[in-house]
Amino acid sequence: MRIEYLVYNRGYRVDENGVLTNPKGKEIGRTDLWKGMSYHLSSVKIMGRSKKFKTHRLQAYQKFGDKMYEDGICVRHLNGNSLDNRASNIDIGTHSDNMMDRSPECRMKSALHATSFVRKYDKQDVRDFHSESRSYKKTMEQFGISSKGTLNYILKS
């Protein structure tokens, strides 16, 4: 069972301004870090255990129902502010849509970070070096290749 479904049926609601209220109508919620981003979170007891839920996901459930659980669908903050849970700022879409909600500067920074992990070397240079050295260890050290499997793939391809 999805947490948003459970808390909605218990009477928790998010108003148009993004304010979370409990079944008695009292405003609740707190801000926590999750995967490096801040989100408004709350918790509820389910079968004696405390379970956290995110305000923006409950807002999305109220707007879109079970459609938010379809494969490939994620909940989006249209303005990129993960603390802005107003109904007008919450939408659903693909992961690609969600990434495009970020500013161009943020997308570029993320792309540059991701490409920094890609090793840049010419496969033919690796093959030539290995044919002279006849050593996997020396070849791996020379080109910063971290596994024999990767080197073997390069040599065989």
Protein backbone atom coordinates (compact mmCIF):
# COMPACT_ATOMS: atom_id res chain seq x y z
CA MET A 1 0.00 0.00 0.00
CA ARG A 2 1.26 3.49 -0.85
CA ILE A 3 1.86 5.84 2.08
CA GLU A 4 0.06 8.74 0.39
CA TYR A 5 -3.08 6.64 0.00
CA LEU A 6 -2.97 5.66 3.67
CA VAL A 7 -2.44 9.15 5.07
CA TYR A 8 -5.07 10.62 2.74
CA ASN A 9 -7.61 8.07 3.95
CA ARG A 10 -6.72 8.93 7.54
CA GLY A 11 -7.64 12.56 6.88
CA TYR A 12 -4.31 14.30 6.24
CA ARG A 13 -4.58 17.05 3.62
CA VAL A 14 -2.44 19.60 1.81
CA ASP A 15 -4.22 22.84 0.97
CA GLU A 16 -3.80 24.94 -2.20
CA ASN A 17 -0.99 26.89 -0.49
CA GLY A 18 0.98 23.72 0.28
CA VAL A 19 0.20 23.62 4.01
CA LEU A 20 -0.15 20.12 5.49
CA THR A 21 -2.83 19.53 8.11
CA ASN A 22 -3.63 16.51 10.25
CA PRO A 23 -7.11 14.96 10.51
CA LYS A 24 -8.02 17.53 13.22
CA GLY A 25 -7.12 20.40 10.87
CA LYS A 26 -3.94 21.35 12.74
CA GLU A 27 -0.97 22.50 10.62
CA ILE A 28 1.91 20.02 10.82
CA GLY A 29 5.16 19.13 9.09
CA ARG A 30 8.85 19.76 9.25
CA THR A 31 11.72 20.17 6.84
CA ASP A 32 14.32 17.42 6.51
CA LEU A 33 17.19 16.60 4.22
CA TRP A 34 16.61 13.62 1.97
CA LYS A 35 19.16 12.67 -0.70
CA GLY A 36 20.75 16.10 -0.40
CA MET A 37 17.49 18.03 -0.90
CA SER A 38 15.11 19.58 1.60
CA TYR A 39 11.52 18.38 1.68
CA HIS A 40 8.61 18.98 4.01
CA LEU A 41 8.15 15.68 5.83
CA SER A 42 5.80 14.34 8.42
CA SER A 43 5.32 10.96 10.01
CA VAL A 44 2.40 8.77 10.90
CA LYS A 45 2.11 5.53 12.88
CA ILE A 46 1.25 2.54 10.74
CA MET A 47 0.92 -0.80 12.51
CA GLY A 48 2.89 0.56 15.45
CA ARG A 49 5.78 1.88 13.35
CA SER A 50 6.50 5.48 12.44
CA LYS A 51 6.51 6.06 8.66
CA LYS A 52 7.62 9.29 7.00
CA PHE A 53 5.76 10.84 4.11
CA LYS A 54 6.52 13.85 1.94
CA THR A 55 4.04 16.71 1.68
CA HIS A 56 4.59 17.22 -2.04
CA ARG A 57 3.71 13.59 -2.76
CA LEU A 58 0.47 13.87 -0.79
CA GLN A 59 -0.34 17.05 -2.75
CA ALA A 60 0.29 15.10 -5.98
CA TYR A 61 -1.92 12.24 -4.78
CA GLN A 62 -4.72 14.70 -4.07
CA LYS A 63 -4.39 16.16 -7.59
CA PHE A 64 -3.65 13.07 -9.68
CA GLY A 65 -4.64 10.04 -7.61
CA ASP A 66 -3.11 6.71 -8.60
CA LYS A 67 -1.80 8.15 -11.87
CA MET A 68 1.27 9.35 -9.92
CA TYR A 69 2.23 5.68 -9.34
CA GLU A 70 2.41 4.71 -13.02
CA ASP A 71 5.72 3.43 -14.34
CA GLY A 72 8.12 6.17 -15.37
CA ILE A 73 6.15 8.90 -13.57
CA CYS A 74 7.62 11.12 -10.86
CA VAL A 75 6.32 14.05 -8.83
CA ARG A 76 7.72 17.41 -9.93
CA HIS A 77 8.20 20.83 -8.33
CA LEU A 78 7.73 23.05 -11.39
CA ASN A 79 9.79 25.93 -10.03
CA GLY A 80 12.58 23.63 -8.74
CA ASN A 81 11.95 24.63 -5.11
CA SER A 82 11.43 21.39 -3.19
CA LEU A 83 9.87 23.29 -0.27
CA ASP A 84 7.16 24.93 -2.40
CA ASN A 85 4.23 22.51 -2.16
CA ARG A 86 1.50 24.77 -3.53
CA ALA A 87 -0.92 22.85 -5.75
CA SER A 88 0.03 25.10 -8.70
CA ASN A 89 3.70 24.10 -8.31
CA ILE A 90 3.16 20.34 -8.13
CA ASP A 91 2.84 18.24 -11.28
CA ILE A 92 3.70 14.75 -12.45
CA GLY A 93 5.81 13.77 -15.44
CA THR A 94 8.81 11.78 -16.54
CA HIS A 95 12.26 11.93 -14.98
CA SER A 96 13.35 13.91 -18.04
CA ASP A 97 10.56 16.45 -17.43
CA ASN A 98 11.69 16.70 -13.82
CA MET A 99 15.30 17.37 -14.82
CA MET A 100 14.17 20.08 -17.23
CA ASP A 101 12.43 21.86 -14.32
CA ARG A 102 15.90 22.67 -12.99
CA SER A 103 17.65 25.86 -14.06
CA PRO A 104 20.00 25.63 -17.06
CA GLU A 105 22.94 26.42 -14.73
CA CYS A 106 22.00 23.58 -12.40
CA ARG A 107 21.56 21.14 -15.31
CA MET A 108 24.99 22.11 -16.71
CA LYS A 109 26.67 21.70 -13.32
CA SER A 110 25.11 18.25 -12.94
CA ALA A 111 26.14 17.21 -16.46
CA LEU A 112 29.73 18.34 -15.94
CA HIS A 113 29.88 16.45 -12.66
CA ALA A 114 28.59 13.26 -14.31
CA THR A 115 31.05 13.45 -17.21
CA SER A 116 33.96 13.90 -14.80
CA PHE A 117 33.63 10.17 -14.00
CA VAL A 118 34.08 9.09 -17.61
CA ARG A 119 37.61 7.98 -18.40
CA LYS A 120 39.05 9.50 -21.55
CA TYR A 121 41.53 7.33 -23.41
CA ASP A 122 41.96 6.02 -26.90
CA LYS A 123 41.35 2.28 -27.16
CA GLN A 124 44.06 1.89 -29.77
CA ASP A 125 46.57 3.58 -27.43
CA VAL A 126 45.61 1.08 -24.72
CA ARG A 127 46.05 -1.85 -27.13
CA ASP A 128 49.42 -0.55 -28.38
CA PHE A 129 50.74 0.00 -24.85
CA HIS A 130 49.60 -3.45 -23.75
CA SER A 131 51.15 -5.19 -26.77
CA GLU A 132 54.52 -3.61 -25.86
CA SER A 133 54.34 -4.04 -22.07
CA ARG A 134 52.52 -7.41 -22.10
CA SER A 135 51.30 -6.47 -18.62
CA TYR A 136 47.72 -5.96 -17.51
CA LYS A 137 48.93 -4.26 -14.32
CA LYS A 138 51.15 -1.71 -16.10
CA THR A 139 48.47 -1.00 -18.71
CA MET A 140 45.81 -0.48 -16.06
CA GLU A 141 48.09 1.88 -14.12
CA GLN A 142 49.09 3.81 -17.25
CA PHE A 143 45.48 4.51 -18.31
CA GLY A 144 43.71 4.56 -14.95
CA ILE A 145 41.62 1.50 -15.76
CA SER A 146 40.22 0.07 -12.55
CA SER A 147 39.38 -3.52 -13.50
CA LYS A 148 40.86 -6.36 -15.49
CA GLY A 149 37.44 -6.97 -17.00
CA THR A 150 37.36 -3.45 -18.45
CA LEU A 151 40.88 -3.81 -19.84
CA ASN A 152 40.04 -7.22 -21.31
CA TYR A 153 36.94 -5.72 -22.98
CA ILE A 154 39.05 -2.93 -24.52
CA LEU A 155 41.69 -5.38 -25.76
CA LYS A 156 39.10 -7.71 -27.30
CA SER A 157 36.87 -5.05 -28.90
